[in-house]
Amino acid sequence: MLLKGDHIRLKDGRAVEALDIWGLARCHAKVRFDDGSTALIISERDVEALLSRPALERRKKWGGEKNVH
């Protein structure tokens, strides 16, 4: 499962950042490459590994409290 802000490695070896995620039955994602260009990936099958998930580090606790540390 991908989340917005995830840093992932694609099957072709390139590391990218997920800019936007959508879809119910099939995951679609807009990603940014190191050179600044963007592309769409159609499926999570294109993803080899999750490198980091900064989105979890920034999320807020239930009830709108301060950031989780």
N, C-alpha and C. Protein backbone atom coordinates (compact mmCIF):
# COMPACT_ATOMS: atom_id res chain seq x y z
N MET A 1 0.83 -1.17 0.00
CA MET A 1 0.00 0.00 0.00
C MET A 1 0.88 1.24 0.00
N LEU A 2 0.66 2.11 -0.93
CA LEU A 2 1.43 3.34 -1.04
C LEU A 2 0.68 4.49 -0.40
N LEU A 3 1.43 5.42 0.16
CA LEU A 3 0.88 6.64 0.71
C LEU A 3 1.59 7.83 0.10
N LYS A 4 0.90 8.96 0.06
CA LYS A 4 1.48 10.19 -0.45
C LYS A 4 2.71 10.54 0.39
N GLY A 5 3.81 10.87 -0.28
CA GLY A 5 5.05 11.21 0.40
C GLY A 5 6.02 10.06 0.54
N ASP A 6 5.59 8.83 0.23
CA ASP A 6 6.48 7.67 0.32
C ASP A 6 7.63 7.79 -0.67
N HIS A 7 8.79 7.33 -0.27
CA HIS A 7 9.94 7.21 -1.17
C HIS A 7 10.04 5.73 -1.50
N ILE A 8 9.95 5.41 -2.80
CA ILE A 8 9.90 4.01 -3.24
C ILE A 8 10.93 3.76 -4.33
N ARG A 9 11.26 2.47 -4.53
CA ARG A 9 12.12 2.06 -5.63
C ARG A 9 11.26 1.29 -6.61
N LEU A 10 11.32 1.70 -7.88
CA LEU A 10 10.59 1.00 -8.93
C LEU A 10 11.36 -0.23 -9.38
N LYS A 11 10.70 -1.12 -10.10
CA LYS A 11 11.34 -2.35 -10.56
C LYS A 11 12.51 -2.09 -11.49
N ASP A 12 12.54 -0.92 -12.15
CA ASP A 12 13.66 -0.61 -13.04
C ASP A 12 14.85 -0.02 -12.26
N GLY A 13 14.74 0.09 -10.92
CA GLY A 13 15.85 0.52 -10.09
C GLY A 13 15.85 1.99 -9.70
N ARG A 14 14.95 2.79 -10.29
CA ARG A 14 14.91 4.22 -9.98
C ARG A 14 14.17 4.48 -8.67
N ALA A 15 14.70 5.41 -7.87
CA ALA A 15 14.05 5.82 -6.63
C ALA A 15 13.19 7.05 -6.92
N VAL A 16 11.95 7.04 -6.43
CA VAL A 16 11.01 8.13 -6.69
C VAL A 16 10.24 8.47 -5.42
N GLU A 17 9.58 9.63 -5.44
CA GLU A 17 8.70 10.06 -4.35
C GLU A 17 7.27 10.06 -4.87
N ALA A 18 6.35 9.48 -4.10
CA ALA A 18 4.94 9.46 -4.49
C ALA A 18 4.32 10.82 -4.18
N LEU A 19 3.86 11.51 -5.22
CA LEU A 19 3.26 12.83 -5.06
C LEU A 19 1.76 12.75 -4.81
N ASP A 20 1.10 11.78 -5.42
CA ASP A 20 -0.35 11.65 -5.30
C ASP A 20 -0.73 10.20 -5.52
N ILE A 21 -1.70 9.71 -4.77
CA ILE A 21 -2.15 8.32 -4.86
C ILE A 21 -3.67 8.34 -4.99
N TRP A 22 -4.23 7.50 -5.87
CA TRP A 22 -5.67 7.38 -5.97
C TRP A 22 -6.02 6.01 -6.52
N GLY A 23 -7.29 5.66 -6.41
CA GLY A 23 -7.79 4.39 -6.94
C GLY A 23 -8.33 3.50 -5.86
N LEU A 24 -9.30 2.67 -6.21
CA LEU A 24 -9.88 1.73 -5.26
C LEU A 24 -9.40 0.31 -5.54
N ALA A 25 -9.74 -0.23 -6.68
CA ALA A 25 -9.35 -1.59 -7.01
C ALA A 25 -7.91 -1.66 -7.52
N ARG A 26 -7.46 -0.60 -8.19
CA ARG A 26 -6.09 -0.53 -8.71
C ARG A 26 -5.46 0.77 -8.23
N CYS A 27 -4.25 0.66 -7.76
CA CYS A 27 -3.55 1.84 -7.28
C CYS A 27 -2.93 2.59 -8.46
N HIS A 28 -3.15 3.89 -8.51
CA HIS A 28 -2.50 4.77 -9.47
C HIS A 28 -1.70 5.77 -8.66
N ALA A 29 -0.54 6.14 -9.12
CA ALA A 29 0.29 7.09 -8.39
C ALA A 29 1.00 8.03 -9.35
N LYS A 30 1.11 9.28 -8.95
CA LYS A 30 1.94 10.26 -9.65
C LYS A 30 3.23 10.33 -8.86
N VAL A 31 4.37 10.14 -9.53
CA VAL A 31 5.66 10.09 -8.84
C VAL A 31 6.62 11.12 -9.43
N ARG A 32 7.60 11.54 -8.61
CA ARG A 32 8.62 12.49 -9.05
C ARG A 32 9.97 11.79 -9.03
N PHE A 33 10.70 11.88 -10.16
CA PHE A 33 12.04 11.30 -10.27
C PHE A 33 13.07 12.28 -9.73
N ASP A 34 14.30 11.80 -9.54
CA ASP A 34 15.39 12.62 -9.01
C ASP A 34 15.66 13.85 -9.87
N ASP A 35 15.46 13.74 -11.18
CA ASP A 35 15.73 14.87 -12.07
C ASP A 35 14.60 15.90 -12.10
N GLY A 36 13.53 15.69 -11.31
CA GLY A 36 12.42 16.63 -11.23
C GLY A 36 11.25 16.31 -12.13
N SER A 37 11.42 15.35 -13.05
CA SER A 37 10.32 14.99 -13.94
C SER A 37 9.30 14.14 -13.18
N THR A 38 8.07 14.12 -13.68
CA THR A 38 7.01 13.34 -13.06
C THR A 38 6.46 12.31 -14.04
N ALA A 39 5.83 11.27 -13.52
CA ALA A 39 5.23 10.23 -14.34
C ALA A 39 4.11 9.58 -13.55
N LEU A 40 3.26 8.84 -14.24
CA LEU A 40 2.21 8.07 -13.60
C LEU A 40 2.59 6.60 -13.61
N ILE A 41 2.40 5.92 -12.49
CA ILE A 41 2.52 4.47 -12.50
C ILE A 41 1.12 3.91 -12.29
N ILE A 42 0.81 2.85 -12.97
CA ILE A 42 -0.54 2.35 -13.02
C ILE A 42 -0.83 1.34 -11.91
N SER A 43 0.18 0.68 -11.41
CA SER A 43 -0.06 -0.40 -10.48
C SER A 43 1.04 -0.48 -9.43
N GLU A 44 0.70 -1.02 -8.27
CA GLU A 44 1.72 -1.26 -7.25
C GLU A 44 2.70 -2.35 -7.70
N ARG A 45 2.36 -3.08 -8.76
CA ARG A 45 3.28 -4.09 -9.29
C ARG A 45 4.55 -3.46 -9.85
N ASP A 46 4.51 -2.16 -10.16
CA ASP A 46 5.69 -1.44 -10.64
C ASP A 46 6.66 -1.11 -9.51
N VAL A 47 6.22 -1.26 -8.26
CA VAL A 47 7.02 -0.89 -7.09
C VAL A 47 7.78 -2.10 -6.59
N GLU A 48 9.09 -1.94 -6.39
CA GLU A 48 9.91 -3.03 -5.87
C GLU A 48 10.01 -2.97 -4.35
N ALA A 49 10.24 -1.76 -3.80
CA ALA A 49 10.45 -1.65 -2.36
C ALA A 49 10.06 -0.27 -1.85
N LEU A 50 9.64 -0.22 -0.60
CA LEU A 50 9.39 1.03 0.09
C LEU A 50 10.69 1.43 0.78
N LEU A 51 11.22 2.60 0.43
CA LEU A 51 12.48 3.06 1.00
C LEU A 51 12.27 3.81 2.31
N SER A 52 11.31 4.71 2.35
CA SER A 52 10.98 5.42 3.58
C SER A 52 9.56 5.95 3.50
N ARG A 53 9.00 6.21 4.66
CA ARG A 53 7.62 6.68 4.72
C ARG A 53 7.54 7.89 5.65
N PRO A 54 7.96 9.05 5.17
CA PRO A 54 7.92 10.24 6.01
C PRO A 54 6.50 10.67 6.35
N ALA A 55 5.52 10.23 5.60
CA ALA A 55 4.13 10.60 5.87
C ALA A 55 3.70 10.13 7.26
N LEU A 56 4.19 8.98 7.71
CA LEU A 56 3.83 8.48 9.04
C LEU A 56 4.49 9.30 10.14
N GLU A 57 5.66 9.83 9.89
CA GLU A 57 6.34 10.62 10.89
C GLU A 57 5.65 11.97 11.09
N ARG A 58 4.97 12.49 10.08
CA ARG A 58 4.33 13.80 10.16
C ARG A 58 2.87 13.73 10.57
N ARG A 59 2.28 12.55 10.61
CA ARG A 59 0.84 12.48 10.86
C ARG A 59 0.49 12.93 12.28
N LYS A 60 -0.74 13.31 12.45
CA LYS A 60 -1.21 13.76 13.77
C LYS A 60 -1.99 12.65 14.44
N LYS A 61 -2.00 12.67 15.74
CA LYS A 61 -2.78 11.70 16.50
C LYS A 61 -4.26 11.97 16.31
N TRP A 62 -5.07 10.99 16.59
CA TRP A 62 -6.51 11.13 16.55
C TRP A 62 -6.92 12.26 17.50
N GLY A 63 -7.75 13.16 17.07
CA GLY A 63 -8.18 14.27 17.90
C GLY A 63 -7.42 15.55 17.65
N GLY A 64 -6.47 15.55 16.70
CA GLY A 64 -5.78 16.76 16.32
C GLY A 64 -4.70 17.22 17.27
N GLU A 65 -4.11 16.31 18.04
CA GLU A 65 -3.04 16.68 18.95
C GLU A 65 -1.77 16.98 18.18
N LYS A 66 -0.71 17.28 18.89
CA LYS A 66 0.59 17.58 18.28
C LYS A 66 1.11 16.38 17.52
N ASN A 67 2.15 16.60 16.71
CA ASN A 67 2.74 15.52 15.91
C ASN A 67 3.25 14.38 16.78
N VAL A 68 3.19 13.17 16.24
CA VAL A 68 3.69 11.98 16.92
C VAL A 68 5.21 11.98 16.84
N HIS A 69 5.88 11.70 17.92
CA HIS A 69 7.35 11.64 17.93
C HIS A 69 7.81 10.26 18.24
